[in-house]
Amino acid sequence: MKKHLNIFIEGKLQNADFNFYSQTGAFKYDIDAIYKNGDARHVDLEIEGEEGDLHSYVNYLEKGPLQVHIELFRVEEAEIVGIEGFKSYKVHKEEYSFMDRIKNAFK
């Protein structure tokens, strides 16, 4: 049965090419995914596929060789939206960068 999962990952992801790693796994496990890279520490994934494939893919991400870079790994089930293929987006988690926030604090 096809399912949709949202995965939230946080950690030292700048030390790993997590986009390439997650895309390789998506092809390996026949997963459709939307990869959202918020900054060097946050990645959100929306994934769809068969239940067994989803389980294997989540395990691949969480327990694979890049696990040393992960500090938070959360999975939530959601409604199917019809994702096709693998799409990667750069999104902004915060309105200002860290340096902008520091500069604004001293104005």
C-alpha atoms as a PDB file:
ATOM      1  CA  MET A   1       0.000   0.000   0.000  1.00  0.00           C
ATOM      2  CA  LYS A   2       1.363   3.417  -0.986  1.00  0.00           C
ATOM      3  CA  LYS A   3       2.065   5.903   1.827  1.00  0.00           C
ATOM      4  CA  HIS A   4       3.425   9.417   2.357  1.00  0.00           C
ATOM      5  CA  LEU A   5       5.950  10.318   5.049  1.00  0.00           C
ATOM      6  CA  ASN A   6       7.502  13.617   6.101  1.00  0.00           C
ATOM      7  CA  ILE A   7      11.060  13.363   7.414  1.00  0.00           C
ATOM      8  CA  PHE A   8      12.762  16.135   9.388  1.00  0.00           C
ATOM      9  CA  ILE A   9      16.535  15.898   9.774  1.00  0.00           C
ATOM     10  CA  GLU A  10      18.851  18.193  11.689  1.00  0.00           C
ATOM     11  CA  GLY A  11      22.557  17.959  12.323  1.00  0.00           C
ATOM     12  CA  LYS A  12      25.988  18.649  10.932  1.00  0.00           C
ATOM     13  CA  LEU A  13      24.754  18.138   7.387  1.00  0.00           C
ATOM     14  CA  GLN A  14      27.252  20.570   5.874  1.00  0.00           C
ATOM     15  CA  ASN A  15      29.837  17.817   6.427  1.00  0.00           C
ATOM     16  CA  ALA A  16      27.979  15.419   4.131  1.00  0.00           C
ATOM     17  CA  ASP A  17      26.458  15.573   0.669  1.00  0.00           C
ATOM     18  CA  PHE A  18      23.077  14.601   2.084  1.00  0.00           C
ATOM     19  CA  ASN A  19      21.188  15.603  -1.089  1.00  0.00           C
ATOM     20  CA  PHE A  20      23.187  13.151  -3.226  1.00  0.00           C
ATOM     21  CA  TYR A  21      22.922  10.450  -0.554  1.00  0.00           C
ATOM     22  CA  SER A  22      19.141  10.797  -0.217  1.00  0.00           C
ATOM     23  CA  GLN A  23      18.663  10.901  -3.993  1.00  0.00           C
ATOM     24  CA  THR A  24      20.752   7.753  -4.482  1.00  0.00           C
ATOM     25  CA  GLY A  25      18.654   5.960  -1.856  1.00  0.00           C
ATOM     26  CA  ALA A  26      15.409   7.170  -3.441  1.00  0.00           C
ATOM     27  CA  PHE A  27      16.391   5.561  -6.741  1.00  0.00           C
ATOM     28  CA  LYS A  28      17.602   2.403  -4.981  1.00  0.00           C
ATOM     29  CA  TYR A  29      14.336   1.931  -3.053  1.00  0.00           C
ATOM     30  CA  ASP A  30      11.947   3.266  -5.740  1.00  0.00           C
ATOM     31  CA  ILE A  31      10.907   6.293  -3.665  1.00  0.00           C
ATOM     32  CA  ASP A  32       9.378   9.517  -4.995  1.00  0.00           C
ATOM     33  CA  ALA A  33      10.657  12.469  -2.965  1.00  0.00           C
ATOM     34  CA  ILE A  34      10.810  16.205  -2.482  1.00  0.00           C
ATOM     35  CA  TYR A  35      14.057  17.228  -0.802  1.00  0.00           C
ATOM     36  CA  LYS A  36      14.060  20.642   0.906  1.00  0.00           C
ATOM     37  CA  ASN A  37      17.412  21.940   2.094  1.00  0.00           C
ATOM     38  CA  GLY A  38      16.787  24.770   4.548  1.00  0.00           C
ATOM     39  CA  ASP A  39      20.374  25.560   5.492  1.00  0.00           C
ATOM     40  CA  ALA A  40      23.528  23.720   6.513  1.00  0.00           C
ATOM     41  CA  ARG A  41      21.718  22.093   9.470  1.00  0.00           C
ATOM     42  CA  HIS A  42      18.172  21.277   8.285  1.00  0.00           C
ATOM     43  CA  VAL A  43      16.705  18.974   5.670  1.00  0.00           C
ATOM     44  CA  ASP A  44      13.031  18.166   5.151  1.00  0.00           C
ATOM     45  CA  LEU A  45      11.939  15.304   2.931  1.00  0.00           C
ATOM     46  CA  GLU A  46       8.483  14.384   1.693  1.00  0.00           C
ATOM     47  CA  ILE A  47       8.513  10.824   0.426  1.00  0.00           C
ATOM     48  CA  GLU A  48       6.008   8.459  -1.145  1.00  0.00           C
ATOM     49  CA  GLY A  49       6.207   4.799  -2.005  1.00  0.00           C
ATOM     50  CA  GLU A  50       5.170   1.335  -0.980  1.00  0.00           C
ATOM     51  CA  GLU A  51       5.276   0.690   2.764  1.00  0.00           C
ATOM     52  CA  GLY A  52       8.190  -1.783   2.643  1.00  0.00           C
ATOM     53  CA  ASP A  53      10.237   0.489   0.370  1.00  0.00           C
ATOM     54  CA  LEU A  54       9.552   3.480   2.656  1.00  0.00           C
ATOM     55  CA  HIS A  55      10.722   1.512   5.678  1.00  0.00           C
ATOM     56  CA  SER A  56      13.944   0.507   3.886  1.00  0.00           C
ATOM     57  CA  TYR A  57      14.584   4.069   2.711  1.00  0.00           C
ATOM     58  CA  VAL A  58      14.000   5.599   6.154  1.00  0.00           C
ATOM     59  CA  ASN A  59      16.371   3.016   7.639  1.00  0.00           C
ATOM     60  CA  TYR A  60      18.916   3.814   4.892  1.00  0.00           C
ATOM     61  CA  LEU A  61      18.808   7.523   5.784  1.00  0.00           C
ATOM     62  CA  GLU A  62      18.765   7.152   9.557  1.00  0.00           C
ATOM     63  CA  LYS A  63      21.183   4.262  10.069  1.00  0.00           C
ATOM     64  CA  GLY A  64      23.432   4.576   6.993  1.00  0.00           C
ATOM     65  CA  PRO A  65      27.007   5.836   6.824  1.00  0.00           C
ATOM     66  CA  LEU A  66      25.943   9.487   7.222  1.00  0.00           C
ATOM     67  CA  GLN A  67      24.222   8.849  10.584  1.00  0.00           C
ATOM     68  CA  VAL A  68      27.195  10.417  12.390  1.00  0.00           C
ATOM     69  CA  HIS A  69      26.069  13.808  11.010  1.00  0.00           C
ATOM     70  CA  ILE A  70      22.447  13.459  12.223  1.00  0.00           C
ATOM     71  CA  GLU A  71      21.365  14.908  15.581  1.00  0.00           C
ATOM     72  CA  LEU A  72      17.569  14.850  15.082  1.00  0.00           C
ATOM     73  CA  PHE A  73      15.612  12.459  12.871  1.00  0.00           C
ATOM     74  CA  ARG A  74      11.796  12.607  12.988  1.00  0.00           C
ATOM     75  CA  VAL A  75       9.265  10.839  10.742  1.00  0.00           C
ATOM     76  CA  GLU A  76       5.552  11.689  10.454  1.00  0.00           C
ATOM     77  CA  GLU A  77       2.885  10.055   8.333  1.00  0.00           C
ATOM     78  CA  ALA A  78       0.798  12.358   6.105  1.00  0.00           C
ATOM     79  CA  GLU A  79      -1.708  12.317   3.240  1.00  0.00           C
ATOM     80  CA  ILE A  80      -0.531  11.205  -0.211  1.00  0.00           C
ATOM     81  CA  VAL A  81       0.013  14.181  -2.546  1.00  0.00           C
ATOM     82  CA  GLY A  82       1.201  12.392  -5.694  1.00  0.00           C
ATOM     83  CA  ILE A  83       4.946  13.103  -5.767  1.00  0.00           C
ATOM     84  CA  GLU A  84       6.697  11.930  -8.922  1.00  0.00           C
ATOM     85  CA  GLY A  85      10.464  11.487  -9.197  1.00  0.00           C
ATOM     86  CA  PHE A  86      13.013  13.273  -7.034  1.00  0.00           C
ATOM     87  CA  LYS A  87      12.914  17.056  -6.699  1.00  0.00           C
ATOM     88  CA  SER A  88      15.382  19.152  -4.726  1.00  0.00           C
ATOM     89  CA  TYR A  89      14.688  22.682  -3.462  1.00  0.00           C
ATOM     90  CA  LYS A  90      16.600  25.271  -1.473  1.00  0.00           C
ATOM     91  CA  VAL A  91      14.222  26.872   1.037  1.00  0.00           C
ATOM     92  CA  HIS A  92      14.835  29.446   3.737  1.00  0.00           C
ATOM     93  CA  LYS A  93      14.132  28.326   7.280  1.00  0.00           C
ATOM     94  CA  GLU A  94      14.547  31.795   8.716  1.00  0.00           C
ATOM     95  CA  GLU A  95      13.898  35.264   7.376  1.00  0.00           C
ATOM     96  CA  TYR A  96      17.427  36.437   8.202  1.00  0.00           C
ATOM     97  CA  SER A  97      20.766  34.713   8.156  1.00  0.00           C
ATOM     98  CA  PHE A  98      22.704  34.432  11.392  1.00  0.00           C
ATOM     99  CA  MET A  99      24.935  37.379  10.452  1.00  0.00           C
ATOM    100  CA  ASP A 100      21.908  39.540   9.554  1.00  0.00           C
ATOM    101  CA  ARG A 101      20.372  38.792  12.947  1.00  0.00           C
ATOM    102  CA  ILE A 102      23.608  39.753  14.729  1.00  0.00           C
ATOM    103  CA  LYS A 103      23.877  43.023  12.759  1.00  0.00           C
ATOM    104  CA  ASN A 104      20.230  43.886  13.498  1.00  0.00           C
ATOM    105  CA  ALA A 105      20.678  43.169  17.202  1.00  0.00           C
ATOM    106  CA  PHE A 106      23.228  45.981  17.492  1.00  0.00           C
ATOM    107  CA  LYS A 107      21.333  48.654  15.518  1.00  0.00           C
END
